[in-house]
Amino acid sequence: MLDKTDWTLEIASWILVILSTLIVAFVQHKINKVNETAYPDAPKNTWKVSNTVWLIIFIVLYVLAYLPA
């Protein structure tokens, strides 16, 4: 038997996710500005294979979290 989806809860969850993502992005932007101003000669990190591996792992886990149980 299929359960009914509570769309109000789903929409509220997505709004909360979007808001929390925006807050984290805002804080990260401020941190980047401070670092740019205070430490202009700091070394920059490049994209590595490990970044790609972790991204793939995250995407797989994210997709698995939305599959029906």
Protein backbone atom coordinates (compact mmCIF):
# COMPACT_ATOMS: atom_id res chain seq x y z
CA MET A 1 0.00 0.00 0.00
CA LEU A 2 1.35 3.41 -0.95
CA ASP A 3 1.47 6.15 1.62
CA LYS A 4 0.17 9.58 0.70
CA THR A 5 2.75 12.32 0.45
CA ASP A 6 2.25 15.30 2.74
CA TRP A 7 3.08 18.07 0.28
CA THR A 8 2.98 20.77 2.95
CA LEU A 9 5.74 18.99 4.83
CA GLU A 10 7.70 18.39 1.62
CA ILE A 11 7.50 22.06 0.60
CA ALA A 12 8.42 23.22 4.11
CA SER A 13 11.42 20.87 4.08
CA TRP A 14 12.62 22.20 0.75
CA ILE A 15 12.19 25.81 1.90
CA LEU A 16 14.23 25.02 5.02
CA VAL A 17 16.95 23.39 2.90
CA ILE A 18 17.08 26.36 0.53
CA LEU A 19 17.20 28.88 3.38
CA SER A 20 19.95 27.02 5.22
CA THR A 21 21.94 26.73 1.98
CA LEU A 22 21.60 30.47 1.38
CA ILE A 23 22.79 31.21 4.92
CA VAL A 24 25.84 28.97 4.53
CA ALA A 25 26.61 30.52 1.10
CA PHE A 26 26.34 34.03 2.59
CA VAL A 27 28.71 33.18 5.45
CA GLN A 28 31.16 31.52 3.03
CA HIS A 29 31.08 34.60 0.80
CA LYS A 30 31.94 36.81 3.80
CA ILE A 31 34.79 34.47 4.80
CA ASN A 32 36.14 34.54 1.25
CA LYS A 33 36.05 38.36 1.21
CA VAL A 34 37.93 38.58 4.54
CA ASN A 35 40.54 36.09 3.32
CA GLU A 36 40.89 37.95 0.03
CA THR A 37 41.46 41.24 1.86
CA ALA A 38 43.63 40.02 4.74
CA TYR A 39 45.60 37.29 2.95
CA PRO A 40 45.90 38.20 -0.75
CA ASP A 41 48.94 35.95 -1.29
CA ALA A 42 47.42 32.82 0.29
CA PRO A 43 47.78 29.67 -1.81
CA LYS A 44 44.69 28.56 -3.74
CA ASN A 45 43.42 25.00 -3.60
CA THR A 46 42.81 23.37 -6.95
CA TRP A 47 40.18 20.77 -7.85
CA LYS A 48 41.63 17.30 -7.28
CA VAL A 49 40.55 13.75 -7.97
CA SER A 50 39.53 13.42 -4.30
CA ASN A 51 37.05 16.26 -4.76
CA THR A 52 35.46 14.41 -7.66
CA VAL A 53 35.31 11.13 -5.70
CA TRP A 54 33.61 12.81 -2.72
CA LEU A 55 31.18 14.59 -5.04
CA ILE A 56 30.18 11.27 -6.63
CA ILE A 57 29.75 9.66 -3.19
CA PHE A 58 27.57 12.57 -2.05
CA ILE A 59 25.39 12.42 -5.16
CA VAL A 60 24.87 8.65 -4.78
CA LEU A 61 23.92 9.02 -1.10
CA TYR A 62 21.63 11.93 -1.91
CA VAL A 63 19.81 9.96 -4.59
CA LEU A 64 19.54 6.90 -2.34
CA ALA A 65 17.98 9.04 0.40
CA TYR A 66 15.07 9.89 -1.92
CA LEU A 67 14.34 6.36 -3.08
CA PRO A 68 11.24 4.82 -1.56
CA ALA A 69 11.88 2.42 1.29
